[in-house]
Amino acid sequence: MIYVEPSALGWKPLAVSWIQLGNPKWAEGNEQILEDLLDWFVPPCLLFIKEHGVQLISAGDTNLVV
């Protein structure tokens, strides 16, 4: 077993896992659409937070996406 820090993976694997474990009523058959939407929305949102937000403690991208 190889341990990799979650911060080294980034937010994407967590999002893909969330889609796969989501409610099959809304996720089944829509996995690629959901992944594409997250790819489109998350990076600009993270950039906005970094440029305009005030963070007392750096939470990291993964925790910001959660």
PDB file of N, CA and C in Angstrom:
ATOM      1  N   MET A   1       0.845  -1.166   0.000  1.00  0.00           N
ATOM      2  CA  MET A   1       0.000   0.000   0.000  1.00  0.00           C
ATOM      3  C   MET A   1       0.893   1.233   0.000  1.00  0.00           C
ATOM      4  N   ILE A   2       0.510   2.195  -0.814  1.00  0.00           N
ATOM      5  CA  ILE A   2       1.242   3.453  -0.886  1.00  0.00           C
ATOM      6  C   ILE A   2       0.324   4.550  -0.384  1.00  0.00           C
ATOM      7  N   TYR A   3       0.821   5.319   0.555  1.00  0.00           N
ATOM      8  CA  TYR A   3       0.037   6.428   1.105  1.00  0.00           C
ATOM      9  C   TYR A   3       0.423   7.708   0.387  1.00  0.00           C
ATOM     10  N   VAL A   4      -0.586   8.410  -0.098  1.00  0.00           N
ATOM     11  CA  VAL A   4      -0.371   9.700  -0.732  1.00  0.00           C
ATOM     12  C   VAL A   4      -1.204  10.719   0.020  1.00  0.00           C
ATOM     13  N   GLU A   5      -0.588  11.822   0.392  1.00  0.00           N
ATOM     14  CA  GLU A   5      -1.308  12.869   1.109  1.00  0.00           C
ATOM     15  C   GLU A   5      -2.456  13.389   0.247  1.00  0.00           C
ATOM     16  N   PRO A   6      -3.614  13.600   0.835  1.00  0.00           N
ATOM     17  CA  PRO A   6      -4.744  14.133   0.061  1.00  0.00           C
ATOM     18  C   PRO A   6      -4.428  15.465  -0.607  1.00  0.00           C
ATOM     19  N   SER A   7      -3.619  16.287   0.032  1.00  0.00           N
ATOM     20  CA  SER A   7      -3.281  17.587  -0.553  1.00  0.00           C
ATOM     21  C   SER A   7      -2.461  17.427  -1.828  1.00  0.00           C
ATOM     22  N   ALA A   8      -1.743  16.316  -1.972  1.00  0.00           N
ATOM     23  CA  ALA A   8      -0.950  16.076  -3.168  1.00  0.00           C
ATOM     24  C   ALA A   8      -1.827  15.669  -4.349  1.00  0.00           C
ATOM     25  N   LEU A   9      -3.006  15.130  -4.071  1.00  0.00           N
ATOM     26  CA  LEU A   9      -3.909  14.691  -5.123  1.00  0.00           C
ATOM     27  C   LEU A   9      -4.744  15.831  -5.690  1.00  0.00           C
ATOM     28  N   GLY A  10      -5.061  16.807  -4.870  1.00  0.00           N
ATOM     29  CA  GLY A  10      -5.920  17.901  -5.311  1.00  0.00           C
ATOM     30  C   GLY A  10      -7.388  17.579  -5.090  1.00  0.00           C
ATOM     31  N   TRP A  11      -8.235  18.416  -5.619  1.00  0.00           N
ATOM     32  CA  TRP A  11      -9.668  18.298  -5.388  1.00  0.00           C
ATOM     33  C   TRP A  11     -10.350  17.321  -6.348  1.00  0.00           C
ATOM     34  N   LYS A  12      -9.766  17.080  -7.500  1.00  0.00           N
ATOM     35  CA  LYS A  12     -10.418  16.297  -8.560  1.00  0.00           C
ATOM     36  C   LYS A  12     -10.769  14.863  -8.128  1.00  0.00           C
ATOM     37  N   PRO A  13      -9.846  14.076  -7.542  1.00  0.00           N
ATOM     38  CA  PRO A  13     -10.212  12.715  -7.134  1.00  0.00           C
ATOM     39  C   PRO A  13     -11.356  12.678  -6.121  1.00  0.00           C
ATOM     40  N   LEU A  14     -11.392  13.654  -5.235  1.00  0.00           N
ATOM     41  CA  LEU A  14     -12.476  13.722  -4.259  1.00  0.00           C
ATOM     42  C   LEU A  14     -13.809  13.974  -4.955  1.00  0.00           C
ATOM     43  N   ALA A  15     -13.815  14.850  -5.950  1.00  0.00           N
ATOM     44  CA  ALA A  15     -15.034  15.151  -6.686  1.00  0.00           C
ATOM     45  C   ALA A  15     -15.510  13.941  -7.486  1.00  0.00           C
ATOM     46  N   VAL A  16     -14.591  13.244  -8.128  1.00  0.00           N
ATOM     47  CA  VAL A  16     -14.957  12.051  -8.903  1.00  0.00           C
ATOM     48  C   VAL A  16     -15.533  10.982  -7.971  1.00  0.00           C
ATOM     49  N   SER A  17     -14.937  10.817  -6.812  1.00  0.00           N
ATOM     50  CA  SER A  17     -15.439   9.857  -5.836  1.00  0.00           C
ATOM     51  C   SER A  17     -16.838  10.256  -5.361  1.00  0.00           C
ATOM     52  N   TRP A  18     -17.061  11.547  -5.150  1.00  0.00           N
ATOM     53  CA  TRP A  18     -18.362  12.039  -4.720  1.00  0.00           C
ATOM     54  C   TRP A  18     -19.422  11.742  -5.774  1.00  0.00           C
ATOM     55  N   ILE A  19     -19.074  11.933  -7.037  1.00  0.00           N
ATOM     56  CA  ILE A  19     -20.020  11.648  -8.127  1.00  0.00           C
ATOM     57  C   ILE A  19     -20.351  10.156  -8.160  1.00  0.00           C
ATOM     58  N   GLN A  20     -19.341   9.310  -8.028  1.00  0.00           N
ATOM     59  CA  GLN A  20     -19.545   7.861  -8.093  1.00  0.00           C
ATOM     60  C   GLN A  20     -20.378   7.347  -6.921  1.00  0.00           C
ATOM     61  N   LEU A  21     -20.235   7.974  -5.764  1.00  0.00           N
ATOM     62  CA  LEU A  21     -20.969   7.530  -4.577  1.00  0.00           C
ATOM     63  C   LEU A  21     -22.282   8.262  -4.389  1.00  0.00           C
ATOM     64  N   GLY A  22     -22.607   9.154  -5.321  1.00  0.00           N
ATOM     65  CA  GLY A  22     -23.824   9.951  -5.205  1.00  0.00           C
ATOM     66  C   GLY A  22     -25.083   9.119  -5.379  1.00  0.00           C
ATOM     67  N   ASN A  23     -26.190   9.749  -5.122  1.00  0.00           N
ATOM     68  CA  ASN A  23     -27.482   9.108  -5.265  1.00  0.00           C
ATOM     69  C   ASN A  23     -27.668   8.669  -6.716  1.00  0.00           C
ATOM     70  N   PRO A  24     -27.882   7.378  -6.958  1.00  0.00           N
ATOM     71  CA  PRO A  24     -28.014   6.893  -8.336  1.00  0.00           C
ATOM     72  C   PRO A  24     -29.187   7.518  -9.091  1.00  0.00           C
ATOM     73  N   LYS A  25     -30.178   8.043  -8.382  1.00  0.00           N
ATOM     74  CA  LYS A  25     -31.326   8.651  -9.051  1.00  0.00           C
ATOM     75  C   LYS A  25     -30.916   9.870  -9.872  1.00  0.00           C
ATOM     76  N   TRP A  26     -29.964  10.636  -9.378  1.00  0.00           N
ATOM     77  CA  TRP A  26     -29.538  11.826 -10.121  1.00  0.00           C
ATOM     78  C   TRP A  26     -28.158  11.680 -10.738  1.00  0.00           C
ATOM     79  N   ALA A  27     -27.344  10.772 -10.248  1.00  0.00           N
ATOM     80  CA  ALA A  27     -25.976  10.662 -10.747  1.00  0.00           C
ATOM     81  C   ALA A  27     -25.839   9.671 -11.901  1.00  0.00           C
ATOM     82  N   GLU A  28     -26.632   8.618 -11.892  1.00  0.00           N
ATOM     83  CA  GLU A  28     -26.479   7.564 -12.899  1.00  0.00           C
ATOM     84  C   GLU A  28     -26.740   8.094 -14.307  1.00  0.00           C
ATOM     85  N   GLY A  29     -25.767   7.910 -15.174  1.00  0.00           N
ATOM     86  CA  GLY A  29     -25.863   8.387 -16.545  1.00  0.00           C
ATOM     87  C   GLY A  29     -25.447   9.829 -16.732  1.00  0.00           C
ATOM     88  N   ASN A  30     -25.236  10.536 -15.637  1.00  0.00           N
ATOM     89  CA  ASN A  30     -24.849  11.948 -15.701  1.00  0.00           C
ATOM     90  C   ASN A  30     -23.447  12.193 -15.168  1.00  0.00           C
ATOM     91  N   GLU A  31     -22.682  11.133 -14.979  1.00  0.00           N
ATOM     92  CA  GLU A  31     -21.366  11.266 -14.362  1.00  0.00           C
ATOM     93  C   GLU A  31     -20.456  12.220 -15.141  1.00  0.00           C
ATOM     94  N   GLN A  32     -20.417  12.081 -16.450  1.00  0.00           N
ATOM     95  CA  GLN A  32     -19.527  12.913 -17.257  1.00  0.00           C
ATOM     96  C   GLN A  32     -19.971  14.377 -17.250  1.00  0.00           C
ATOM     97  N   ILE A  33     -21.278  14.603 -17.281  1.00  0.00           N
ATOM     98  CA  ILE A  33     -21.798  15.973 -17.228  1.00  0.00           C
ATOM     99  C   ILE A  33     -21.425  16.624 -15.904  1.00  0.00           C
ATOM    100  N   LEU A  34     -21.612  15.895 -14.805  1.00  0.00           N
ATOM    101  CA  LEU A  34     -21.269  16.431 -13.488  1.00  0.00           C
ATOM    102  C   LEU A  34     -19.778  16.723 -13.374  1.00  0.00           C
ATOM    103  N   GLU A  35     -18.964  15.812 -13.893  1.00  0.00           N
ATOM    104  CA  GLU A  35     -17.514  16.019 -13.854  1.00  0.00           C
ATOM    105  C   GLU A  35     -17.110  17.229 -14.694  1.00  0.00           C
ATOM    106  N   ASP A  36     -17.724  17.381 -15.859  1.00  0.00           N
ATOM    107  CA  ASP A  36     -17.430  18.530 -16.713  1.00  0.00           C
ATOM    108  C   ASP A  36     -17.843  19.845 -16.043  1.00  0.00           C
ATOM    109  N   LEU A  37     -18.996  19.838 -15.374  1.00  0.00           N
ATOM    110  CA  LEU A  37     -19.447  21.032 -14.674  1.00  0.00           C
ATOM    111  C   LEU A  37     -18.487  21.414 -13.547  1.00  0.00           C
ATOM    112  N   LEU A  38     -18.032  20.403 -12.803  1.00  0.00           N
ATOM    113  CA  LEU A  38     -17.071  20.690 -11.732  1.00  0.00           C
ATOM    114  C   LEU A  38     -15.755  21.212 -12.301  1.00  0.00           C
ATOM    115  N   ASP A  39     -15.308  20.633 -13.424  1.00  0.00           N
ATOM    116  CA  ASP A  39     -14.076  21.123 -14.074  1.00  0.00           C
ATOM    117  C   ASP A  39     -14.224  22.569 -14.532  1.00  0.00           C
ATOM    118  N   TRP A  40     -15.440  22.959 -14.875  1.00  0.00           N
ATOM    119  CA  TRP A  40     -15.687  24.300 -15.372  1.00  0.00           C
ATOM    120  C   TRP A  40     -15.826  25.309 -14.229  1.00  0.00           C
ATOM    121  N   PHE A  41     -16.534  24.912 -13.142  1.00  0.00           N
ATOM    122  CA  PHE A  41     -16.834  25.842 -12.064  1.00  0.00           C
ATOM    123  C   PHE A  41     -15.763  25.946 -10.987  1.00  0.00           C
ATOM    124  N   VAL A  42     -15.174  24.842 -10.606  1.00  0.00           N
ATOM    125  CA  VAL A  42     -14.299  24.843  -9.432  1.00  0.00           C
ATOM    126  C   VAL A  42     -13.033  25.690  -9.605  1.00  0.00           C
ATOM    127  N   PRO A  43     -12.256  25.537 -10.690  1.00  0.00           N
ATOM    128  CA  PRO A  43     -11.031  26.348 -10.790  1.00  0.00           C
ATOM    129  C   PRO A  43     -11.265  27.860 -10.713  1.00  0.00           C
ATOM    130  N   PRO A  44     -12.267  28.433 -11.415  1.00  0.00           N
ATOM    131  CA  PRO A  44     -12.484  29.874 -11.258  1.00  0.00           C
ATOM    132  C   PRO A  44     -12.931  30.258  -9.842  1.00  0.00           C
ATOM    133  N   CYS A  45     -13.706  29.386  -9.200  1.00  0.00           N
ATOM    134  CA  CYS A  45     -14.137  29.671  -7.827  1.00  0.00           C
ATOM    135  C   CYS A  45     -12.949  29.674  -6.870  1.00  0.00           C
ATOM    136  N   LEU A  46     -12.052  28.700  -7.027  1.00  0.00           N
ATOM    137  CA  LEU A  46     -10.859  28.660  -6.173  1.00  0.00           C
ATOM    138  C   LEU A  46      -9.984  29.882  -6.420  1.00  0.00           C
ATOM    139  N   LEU A  47      -9.843  30.284  -7.673  1.00  0.00           N
ATOM    140  CA  LEU A  47      -9.056  31.472  -8.000  1.00  0.00           C
ATOM    141  C   LEU A  47      -9.674  32.720  -7.378  1.00  0.00           C
ATOM    142  N   PHE A  48     -10.989  32.837  -7.443  1.00  0.00           N
ATOM    143  CA  PHE A  48     -11.672  33.973  -6.837  1.00  0.00           C
ATOM    144  C   PHE A  48     -11.422  34.029  -5.329  1.00  0.00           C
ATOM    145  N   ILE A  49     -11.527  32.884  -4.684  1.00  0.00           N
ATOM    146  CA  ILE A  49     -11.294  32.832  -3.237  1.00  0.00           C
ATOM    147  C   ILE A  49      -9.863  33.267  -2.912  1.00  0.00           C
ATOM    148  N   LYS A  50      -8.899  32.793  -3.695  1.00  0.00           N
ATOM    149  CA  LYS A  50      -7.501  33.121  -3.435  1.00  0.00           C
ATOM    150  C   LYS A  50      -7.202  34.595  -3.680  1.00  0.00           C
ATOM    151  N   GLU A  51      -7.846  35.190  -4.692  1.00  0.00           N
ATOM    152  CA  GLU A  51      -7.563  36.579  -5.033  1.00  0.00           C
ATOM    153  C   GLU A  51      -8.371  37.577  -4.212  1.00  0.00           C
ATOM    154  N   HIS A  52      -9.597  37.228  -3.849  1.00  0.00           N
ATOM    155  CA  HIS A  52     -10.482  38.196  -3.211  1.00  0.00           C
ATOM    156  C   HIS A  52     -10.940  37.798  -1.811  1.00  0.00           C
ATOM    157  N   GLY A  53     -10.701  36.570  -1.434  1.00  0.00           N
ATOM    158  CA  GLY A  53     -11.152  36.110  -0.129  1.00  0.00           C
ATOM    159  C   GLY A  53     -10.112  36.375   0.955  1.00  0.00           C
ATOM    160  N   VAL A  54     -10.574  36.341   2.172  1.00  0.00           N
ATOM    161  CA  VAL A  54      -9.690  36.475   3.327  1.00  0.00           C
ATOM    162  C   VAL A  54      -9.753  35.165   4.086  1.00  0.00           C
ATOM    163  N   GLN A  55      -8.621  34.473   4.149  1.00  0.00           N
ATOM    164  CA  GLN A  55      -8.557  33.206   4.863  1.00  0.00           C
ATOM    165  C   GLN A  55      -7.612  33.365   6.049  1.00  0.00           C
ATOM    166  N   LEU A  56      -8.127  33.124   7.224  1.00  0.00           N
ATOM    167  CA  LEU A  56      -7.294  33.210   8.408  1.00  0.00           C
ATOM    168  C   LEU A  56      -6.326  32.023   8.464  1.00  0.00           C
ATOM    169  N   ILE A  57      -6.796  30.888   7.970  1.00  0.00           N
ATOM    170  CA  ILE A  57      -5.975  29.685   7.898  1.00  0.00           C
ATOM    171  C   ILE A  57      -6.145  29.110   6.501  1.00  0.00           C
ATOM    172  N   SER A  58      -5.055  28.779   5.858  1.00  0.00           N
ATOM    173  CA  SER A  58      -5.132  28.200   4.521  1.00  0.00           C
ATOM    174  C   SER A  58      -5.700  26.782   4.626  1.00  0.00           C
ATOM    175  N   ALA A  59      -6.864  26.570   4.033  1.00  0.00           N
ATOM    176  CA  ALA A  59      -7.535  25.280   4.137  1.00  0.00           C
ATOM    177  C   ALA A  59      -7.102  24.322   3.048  1.00  0.00           C
ATOM    178  N   GLY A  60      -6.507  24.830   1.990  1.00  0.00           N
ATOM    179  CA  GLY A  60      -6.151  23.976   0.870  1.00  0.00           C
ATOM    180  C   GLY A  60      -7.326  23.820  -0.088  1.00  0.00           C
ATOM    181  N   ASP A  61      -7.030  23.550  -1.333  1.00  0.00           N
ATOM    182  CA  ASP A  61      -8.073  23.457  -2.345  1.00  0.00           C
ATOM    183  C   ASP A  61      -9.073  22.347  -2.061  1.00  0.00           C
ATOM    184  N   THR A  62      -8.601  21.209  -1.597  1.00  0.00           N
ATOM    185  CA  THR A  62      -9.498  20.077  -1.338  1.00  0.00           C
ATOM    186  C   THR A  62     -10.555  20.448  -0.305  1.00  0.00           C
ATOM    187  N   ASN A  63     -10.153  21.074   0.776  1.00  0.00           N
ATOM    188  CA  ASN A  63     -11.118  21.443   1.816  1.00  0.00           C
ATOM    189  C   ASN A  63     -12.024  22.576   1.365  1.00  0.00           C
ATOM    190  N   LEU A  64     -11.540  23.450   0.495  1.00  0.00           N
ATOM    191  CA  LEU A  64     -12.403  24.509  -0.015  1.00  0.00           C
ATOM    192  C   LEU A  64     -13.494  23.936  -0.909  1.00  0.00           C
ATOM    193  N   VAL A  65     -13.167  22.916  -1.679  1.00  0.00           N
ATOM    194  CA  VAL A  65     -14.156  22.309  -2.567  1.00  0.00           C
ATOM    195  C   VAL A  65     -15.193  21.534  -1.764  1.00  0.00           C
ATOM    196  N   VAL A  66     -14.768  20.890  -0.699  1.00  0.00           N
ATOM    197  CA  VAL A  66     -15.704  20.130   0.132  1.00  0.00           C
ATOM    198  C   VAL A  66     -16.733  21.075   0.693  1.00  0.00           C
TER     199      VAL A  66
END
